[in-house]
């Protein structure tokens, strides 16, 4: 009986070496990529806050006041009661890049003559990584 010594395929050791190399590369690359992702999301939040601010200013133009804290940003999703504007002020619910609602306070504690609008950032807590309209 003859055994074929020329087998096609990879040995277990070869596969293990490849897996170890991929794991080592991922271990070096991921710590550099993940913070960049949060930086990009923070920049998206800055743009969202600017867009929501425009919607709030349009609301004020038609209603002579900003929404109260209790009304919040949800009122911007409803059709306007103004005689000159019948559309809603926002098309989509205002969620930050971390899939949480933007925070709104009127009168603001940072903007005492206006409103505070902010995202609590990636950690969902009031901290130094918050993105707000007072920065």
N, C-alpha and C. Protein backbone atom coordinates (compact mmCIF):
# COMPACT_ATOMS: atom_id res chain seq x y z
N UNK A 1 0.83 -1.16 0.00
CA UNK A 1 0.00 0.00 0.00
C UNK A 1 0.88 1.24 0.00
N UNK A 2 0.59 2.17 -0.85
CA UNK A 2 1.37 3.40 -0.96
C UNK A 2 0.62 4.56 -0.34
N UNK A 3 1.36 5.41 0.39
CA UNK A 3 0.78 6.64 0.93
C UNK A 3 1.27 7.82 0.12
N UNK A 4 0.37 8.70 -0.17
CA UNK A 4 0.73 9.89 -0.93
C UNK A 4 1.35 10.90 0.02
N UNK A 5 2.60 11.22 -0.14
CA UNK A 5 3.29 12.15 0.75
C UNK A 5 3.15 13.60 0.30
N UNK A 6 2.64 13.83 -0.86
CA UNK A 6 2.45 15.20 -1.37
C UNK A 6 0.98 15.59 -1.20
N UNK A 7 0.65 16.05 0.00
CA UNK A 7 -0.73 16.45 0.27
C UNK A 7 -0.88 17.94 0.07
N UNK A 8 -2.01 18.33 -0.48
CA UNK A 8 -2.32 19.76 -0.65
C UNK A 8 -3.04 20.24 0.61
N UNK A 9 -2.83 21.51 0.97
CA UNK A 9 -3.50 22.07 2.13
C UNK A 9 -2.50 22.62 3.12
N UNK A 10 -3.04 23.12 4.22
CA UNK A 10 -2.22 23.73 5.26
C UNK A 10 -2.20 22.85 6.49
N UNK A 11 -1.11 22.88 7.20
CA UNK A 11 -1.02 22.14 8.45
C UNK A 11 -1.60 23.00 9.56
N UNK A 12 -1.88 22.38 10.65
CA UNK A 12 -2.42 23.10 11.80
C UNK A 12 -1.45 24.18 12.29
N UNK A 13 -0.19 23.91 12.26
CA UNK A 13 0.82 24.89 12.70
C UNK A 13 0.82 26.11 11.79
N UNK A 14 0.71 25.88 10.49
CA UNK A 14 0.67 27.01 9.55
C UNK A 14 -0.56 27.89 9.80
N UNK A 15 -1.70 27.26 10.02
CA UNK A 15 -2.91 28.02 10.31
C UNK A 15 -2.79 28.80 11.61
N UNK A 16 -2.20 28.21 12.62
CA UNK A 16 -2.01 28.89 13.91
C UNK A 16 -1.09 30.10 13.76
N UNK A 17 -0.04 29.98 12.96
CA UNK A 17 0.87 31.10 12.73
C UNK A 17 0.12 32.25 12.06
N UNK A 18 -0.72 31.96 11.08
CA UNK A 18 -1.50 32.99 10.40
C UNK A 18 -2.46 33.68 11.37
N UNK A 19 -3.15 32.90 12.19
CA UNK A 19 -4.09 33.47 13.18
C UNK A 19 -3.35 34.36 14.17
N UNK A 20 -2.18 33.95 14.62
CA UNK A 20 -1.39 34.76 15.56
C UNK A 20 -0.95 36.06 14.91
N UNK A 21 -0.55 36.01 13.66
CA UNK A 21 -0.13 37.24 12.95
C UNK A 21 -1.31 38.19 12.81
N UNK A 22 -2.48 37.67 12.44
CA UNK A 22 -3.67 38.53 12.29
C UNK A 22 -4.05 39.13 13.63
N UNK A 23 -4.00 38.36 14.70
CA UNK A 23 -4.33 38.88 16.04
C UNK A 23 -3.35 39.96 16.47
N UNK A 24 -2.07 39.77 16.17
CA UNK A 24 -1.07 40.77 16.52
C UNK A 24 -1.30 42.07 15.76
N UNK A 25 -1.61 41.97 14.47
CA UNK A 25 -1.89 43.17 13.67
C UNK A 25 -3.14 43.89 14.18
N UNK A 26 -4.18 43.13 14.50
CA UNK A 26 -5.41 43.74 15.04
C UNK A 26 -5.12 44.42 16.37
N UNK A 27 -4.29 43.83 17.18
CA UNK A 27 -3.94 44.42 18.46
C UNK A 27 -3.18 45.73 18.32
N UNK A 28 -2.46 45.88 17.23
CA UNK A 28 -1.72 47.13 17.01
C UNK A 28 -2.59 48.19 16.33
N UNK A 29 -3.51 47.78 15.47
CA UNK A 29 -4.29 48.73 14.68
C UNK A 29 -5.52 49.23 15.42
N UNK A 30 -6.27 48.37 16.07
CA UNK A 30 -7.53 48.76 16.70
C UNK A 30 -7.39 49.89 17.72
N UNK A 31 -6.39 49.89 18.60
CA UNK A 31 -6.30 51.02 19.54
C UNK A 31 -6.12 52.38 18.85
N UNK A 32 -5.60 52.38 17.64
CA UNK A 32 -5.43 53.64 16.91
C UNK A 32 -6.69 54.01 16.13
N UNK A 33 -7.47 53.03 15.72
CA UNK A 33 -8.66 53.30 14.90
C UNK A 33 -9.85 53.70 15.77
N UNK A 34 -10.06 53.08 16.91
CA UNK A 34 -11.23 53.35 17.73
C UNK A 34 -11.30 54.80 18.21
N UNK A 35 -10.23 55.42 18.69
CA UNK A 35 -10.34 56.83 19.06
C UNK A 35 -10.66 57.73 17.86
N UNK A 36 -10.17 57.38 16.69
CA UNK A 36 -10.49 58.16 15.49
C UNK A 36 -11.98 58.08 15.20
N UNK A 37 -12.59 56.95 15.49
CA UNK A 37 -14.03 56.78 15.29
C UNK A 37 -14.80 57.73 16.20
N UNK A 38 -14.40 57.83 17.47
CA UNK A 38 -15.08 58.75 18.39
C UNK A 38 -14.85 60.20 18.00
N UNK A 39 -13.67 60.54 17.48
CA UNK A 39 -13.42 61.89 17.01
C UNK A 39 -14.33 62.22 15.84
N UNK A 40 -14.50 61.28 14.92
CA UNK A 40 -15.38 61.49 13.77
C UNK A 40 -16.82 61.67 14.24
N UNK A 41 -17.25 60.86 15.20
CA UNK A 41 -18.61 60.98 15.72
C UNK A 41 -18.81 62.33 16.42
N UNK A 42 -17.79 62.80 17.12
CA UNK A 42 -17.90 64.11 17.77
C UNK A 42 -18.07 65.21 16.73
N UNK A 43 -17.39 65.11 15.59
CA UNK A 43 -17.53 66.10 14.53
C UNK A 43 -18.91 66.02 13.90
N UNK A 44 -19.47 64.83 13.78
CA UNK A 44 -20.84 64.69 13.29
C UNK A 44 -21.80 65.35 14.26
N UNK A 45 -21.57 65.18 15.57
CA UNK A 45 -22.43 65.79 16.58
C UNK A 45 -22.38 67.31 16.48
N UNK A 46 -21.21 67.88 16.21
CA UNK A 46 -21.10 69.34 16.05
C UNK A 46 -21.97 69.80 14.88
N UNK A 47 -21.94 69.07 13.78
CA UNK A 47 -22.77 69.41 12.63
C UNK A 47 -24.25 69.26 12.93
N UNK A 48 -24.62 68.19 13.63
CA UNK A 48 -26.02 68.00 14.01
C UNK A 48 -26.51 69.13 14.90
N UNK A 49 -25.68 69.53 15.87
CA UNK A 49 -26.06 70.61 16.78
C UNK A 49 -26.27 71.91 16.01
N UNK A 50 -25.44 72.16 15.01
CA UNK A 50 -25.62 73.36 14.18
C UNK A 50 -26.95 73.30 13.43
N UNK A 51 -27.30 72.13 12.88
CA UNK A 51 -28.56 71.98 12.15
C UNK A 51 -29.77 72.12 13.08
N UNK A 52 -29.70 71.53 14.26
CA UNK A 52 -30.80 71.63 15.22
C UNK A 52 -30.93 73.07 15.70
N UNK A 53 -29.81 73.77 15.85
CA UNK A 53 -29.84 75.18 16.25
C UNK A 53 -30.59 76.01 15.21
N UNK A 54 -30.37 75.74 13.93
CA UNK A 54 -31.10 76.45 12.88
C UNK A 54 -32.60 76.18 13.01
N UNK A 55 -32.97 74.92 13.26
CA UNK A 55 -34.38 74.57 13.43
C UNK A 55 -34.97 75.29 14.65
N UNK A 56 -34.21 75.38 15.74
CA UNK A 56 -34.69 76.09 16.93
C UNK A 56 -34.86 77.58 16.67
N UNK A 57 -33.96 78.15 15.88
CA UNK A 57 -34.08 79.57 15.55
C UNK A 57 -35.28 79.83 14.64
N UNK A 58 -35.56 78.90 13.73
CA UNK A 58 -36.77 79.04 12.90
C UNK A 58 -38.02 78.94 13.77
N UNK A 59 -38.02 78.02 14.73
CA UNK A 59 -39.14 77.89 15.66
C UNK A 59 -39.35 79.20 16.40
N UNK A 60 -38.26 79.78 16.88
CA UNK A 60 -38.34 81.06 17.60
C UNK A 60 -38.86 82.17 16.70
N UNK A 61 -38.45 82.19 15.45
CA UNK A 61 -38.90 83.20 14.50
C UNK A 61 -40.41 83.13 14.32
N UNK A 62 -40.97 81.92 14.27
CA UNK A 62 -42.40 81.75 14.05
C UNK A 62 -43.23 81.83 15.32
N UNK A 63 -42.62 81.57 16.48
CA UNK A 63 -43.37 81.48 17.74
C UNK A 63 -42.95 82.52 18.78
N UNK A 64 -41.98 83.34 18.45
CA UNK A 64 -41.48 84.40 19.35
C UNK A 64 -40.83 83.87 20.63
N UNK A 65 -40.48 82.63 20.66
CA UNK A 65 -39.80 82.04 21.82
C UNK A 65 -39.22 80.70 21.42
N UNK A 66 -38.22 80.23 22.18
CA UNK A 66 -37.70 78.89 22.00
C UNK A 66 -38.61 77.91 22.72
N UNK A 67 -38.60 76.63 22.36
CA UNK A 67 -39.38 75.64 23.12
C UNK A 67 -38.89 75.59 24.57
N UNK A 68 -39.78 75.25 25.46
CA UNK A 68 -39.39 75.09 26.86
C UNK A 68 -38.60 73.79 27.01
N UNK A 69 -37.95 73.66 28.16
CA UNK A 69 -37.22 72.42 28.44
C UNK A 69 -38.19 71.24 28.43
N UNK A 70 -39.39 71.44 28.96
CA UNK A 70 -40.39 70.37 29.01
C UNK A 70 -40.83 69.96 27.61
N UNK A 71 -41.01 70.92 26.71
CA UNK A 71 -41.38 70.60 25.33
C UNK A 71 -40.24 69.87 24.63
N UNK A 72 -39.04 70.29 24.92
CA UNK A 72 -37.85 69.66 24.37
C UNK A 72 -37.77 69.77 22.86
N UNK A 73 -36.95 68.92 22.29
CA UNK A 73 -36.74 68.94 20.84
C UNK A 73 -37.84 68.21 20.09
N UNK A 74 -38.69 67.45 20.81
CA UNK A 74 -39.77 66.71 20.15
C UNK A 74 -40.76 67.64 19.45
N UNK A 75 -40.91 68.85 19.96
CA UNK A 75 -41.85 69.79 19.35
C UNK A 75 -41.41 70.18 17.94
N UNK A 76 -40.12 70.06 17.67
CA UNK A 76 -39.62 70.40 16.33
C UNK A 76 -40.03 69.36 15.29
N UNK A 77 -40.47 68.20 15.73
CA UNK A 77 -40.91 67.14 14.83
C UNK A 77 -42.38 67.29 14.43
N UNK A 78 -43.11 68.11 15.16
CA UNK A 78 -44.54 68.29 14.91
C UNK A 78 -44.77 69.41 13.91
N UNK A 79 -45.88 69.34 13.16
CA UNK A 79 -46.17 70.46 12.24
C UNK A 79 -46.31 71.77 13.02
N UNK A 80 -45.84 72.83 12.44
CA UNK A 80 -45.86 74.13 13.08
C UNK A 80 -47.29 74.64 13.21
N UNK A 81 -47.54 75.39 14.26
CA UNK A 81 -48.84 76.04 14.44
C UNK A 81 -48.81 77.48 13.93
N UNK A 82 -47.69 77.88 13.36
CA UNK A 82 -47.54 79.22 12.82
C UNK A 82 -48.41 79.40 11.58
N UNK A 83 -48.88 80.62 11.35
CA UNK A 83 -49.68 80.89 10.16
C UNK A 83 -48.82 80.97 8.90
N UNK A 84 -47.52 81.18 9.07
CA UNK A 84 -46.63 81.31 7.91
C UNK A 84 -45.82 80.05 7.62
N UNK A 85 -45.83 79.08 8.52
CA UNK A 85 -45.03 77.86 8.34
C UNK A 85 -45.84 76.68 8.85
N UNK A 86 -46.10 75.72 7.99
CA UNK A 86 -46.94 74.57 8.38
C UNK A 86 -46.17 73.26 8.48
N UNK A 87 -44.92 73.26 8.09
CA UNK A 87 -44.09 72.05 8.12
C UNK A 87 -43.52 71.84 9.53
N UNK A 88 -42.94 70.65 9.74
CA UNK A 88 -42.17 70.45 10.97
C UNK A 88 -40.80 71.09 10.76
N UNK A 89 -40.10 71.34 11.84
CA UNK A 89 -38.80 72.01 11.75
C UNK A 89 -37.65 71.03 11.56
N UNK A 90 -37.87 69.78 11.95
CA UNK A 90 -36.88 68.72 11.75
C UNK A 90 -37.56 67.55 11.06
N UNK A 91 -36.84 66.89 10.15
CA UNK A 91 -37.39 65.73 9.46
C UNK A 91 -37.19 64.45 10.26
N UNK A 92 -36.07 64.34 10.95
CA UNK A 92 -35.74 63.11 11.69
C UNK A 92 -35.58 63.43 13.17
N UNK A 93 -35.84 62.41 13.99
CA UNK A 93 -35.64 62.60 15.43
C UNK A 93 -34.18 62.93 15.71
N UNK A 94 -33.95 63.87 16.59
CA UNK A 94 -32.56 64.30 16.86
C UNK A 94 -31.80 63.34 17.79
N UNK A 95 -31.15 62.36 17.17
CA UNK A 95 -30.30 61.42 17.91
C UNK A 95 -28.85 61.71 17.58
N UNK A 96 -27.99 61.61 18.60
CA UNK A 96 -26.57 61.85 18.37
C UNK A 96 -25.93 60.61 17.72
N UNK A 97 -24.67 60.70 17.31
CA UNK A 97 -24.02 59.56 16.64
C UNK A 97 -23.90 58.31 17.51
N UNK A 98 -24.11 58.45 18.81
CA UNK A 98 -24.07 57.31 19.72
C UNK A 98 -25.47 56.77 19.99
N UNK A 99 -26.44 57.19 19.17
CA UNK A 99 -27.83 56.68 19.20
C UNK A 99 -28.59 57.08 20.46
N UNK A 100 -28.27 58.26 21.00
CA UNK A 100 -29.01 58.79 22.15
C UNK A 100 -29.57 60.16 21.78
N UNK A 101 -30.63 60.56 22.45
CA UNK A 101 -31.24 61.86 22.17
C UNK A 101 -30.30 62.99 22.57
N UNK A 102 -30.31 64.05 21.77
CA UNK A 102 -29.59 65.25 22.16
C UNK A 102 -30.30 65.87 23.37
N UNK A 103 -29.53 66.48 24.23
CA UNK A 103 -30.05 67.11 25.44
C UNK A 103 -30.35 68.58 25.13
N UNK A 104 -31.43 69.09 25.73
CA UNK A 104 -31.85 70.47 25.47
C UNK A 104 -32.32 71.10 26.78
N UNK A 105 -31.91 72.34 27.01
CA UNK A 105 -32.34 73.07 28.21
C UNK A 105 -32.55 74.54 27.84
N UNK A 106 -33.72 75.07 28.22
CA UNK A 106 -34.03 76.47 28.00
C UNK A 106 -34.73 77.03 29.24
N UNK A 107 -34.16 78.04 29.87
CA UNK A 107 -32.93 78.75 29.52
C UNK A 107 -31.72 77.89 29.86
N UNK A 108 -30.66 78.15 29.15
CA UNK A 108 -29.46 77.36 29.33
C UNK A 108 -28.64 77.80 30.53
N UNK A 109 -27.80 76.92 31.01
CA UNK A 109 -26.88 77.28 32.08
C UNK A 109 -25.56 77.78 31.49
N UNK A 110 -25.23 77.38 30.28
CA UNK A 110 -24.05 77.88 29.59
C UNK A 110 -24.40 79.10 28.74
N UNK A 111 -25.54 79.05 28.08
CA UNK A 111 -26.04 80.16 27.27
C UNK A 111 -27.26 80.73 27.99
N UNK A 112 -27.02 81.63 28.92
CA UNK A 112 -28.10 82.11 29.78
C UNK A 112 -29.14 82.94 29.03
N UNK A 113 -28.79 83.49 27.88
CA UNK A 113 -29.75 84.25 27.09
C UNK A 113 -30.42 83.40 26.02
N UNK A 114 -30.05 82.15 25.95
CA UNK A 114 -30.61 81.25 24.93
C UNK A 114 -30.84 79.88 25.50
N UNK A 115 -30.36 78.89 24.81
CA UNK A 115 -30.58 77.49 25.18
C UNK A 115 -29.27 76.74 25.14
N UNK A 116 -29.22 75.63 25.86
CA UNK A 116 -28.11 74.69 25.79
C UNK A 116 -28.57 73.48 25.00
N UNK A 117 -27.73 73.06 24.08
CA UNK A 117 -28.01 71.89 23.26
C UNK A 117 -26.73 71.07 23.23
N UNK A 118 -26.80 69.79 23.64
CA UNK A 118 -25.56 69.02 23.73
C UNK A 118 -25.80 67.52 23.63
N UNK A 119 -24.70 66.82 23.36
CA UNK A 119 -24.63 65.37 23.42
C UNK A 119 -23.66 65.02 24.54
N UNK A 120 -23.96 63.96 25.25
CA UNK A 120 -23.09 63.56 26.35
C UNK A 120 -21.91 62.73 25.88
N UNK A 121 -21.74 62.59 24.59
CA UNK A 121 -20.56 61.92 24.05
C UNK A 121 -20.62 60.42 24.18
N UNK A 122 -19.49 59.77 23.97
CA UNK A 122 -19.46 58.30 23.92
C UNK A 122 -19.75 57.61 25.25
N UNK A 123 -19.52 58.29 26.37
CA UNK A 123 -19.72 57.64 27.66
C UNK A 123 -21.10 57.88 28.26
N UNK A 124 -21.95 58.68 27.61
CA UNK A 124 -23.32 58.95 28.05
C UNK A 124 -23.40 59.59 29.44
N UNK A 125 -22.33 60.28 29.83
CA UNK A 125 -22.33 60.96 31.12
C UNK A 125 -21.79 62.36 30.95
N UNK A 126 -22.21 63.25 31.83
CA UNK A 126 -21.68 64.61 31.80
C UNK A 126 -20.20 64.55 32.13
N UNK A 127 -19.39 64.89 31.15
CA UNK A 127 -17.94 64.80 31.31
C UNK A 127 -17.26 65.72 30.30
N UNK A 128 -15.97 65.66 30.25
CA UNK A 128 -15.20 66.52 29.36
C UNK A 128 -15.35 66.18 27.89
N UNK A 129 -15.95 65.02 27.57
CA UNK A 129 -16.13 64.66 26.16
C UNK A 129 -17.49 65.06 25.61
N UNK A 130 -18.27 65.84 26.37
CA UNK A 130 -19.56 66.32 25.88
C UNK A 130 -19.35 67.26 24.70
N UNK A 131 -20.31 67.26 23.79
CA UNK A 131 -20.28 68.16 22.64
C UNK A 131 -21.50 69.06 22.76
N UNK A 132 -21.27 70.38 22.87
CA UNK A 132 -22.38 71.29 23.08
C UNK A 132 -22.31 72.56 22.24
N UNK A 133 -23.39 73.33 22.28
CA UNK A 133 -23.43 74.57 21.49
C UNK A 133 -22.75 75.73 22.21
N UNK A 134 -22.12 75.49 23.33
CA UNK A 134 -21.42 76.55 24.05
C UNK A 134 -19.92 76.50 23.81
N UNK A 135 -19.45 75.54 23.04
CA UNK A 135 -18.01 75.39 22.82
C UNK A 135 -17.53 76.24 21.68
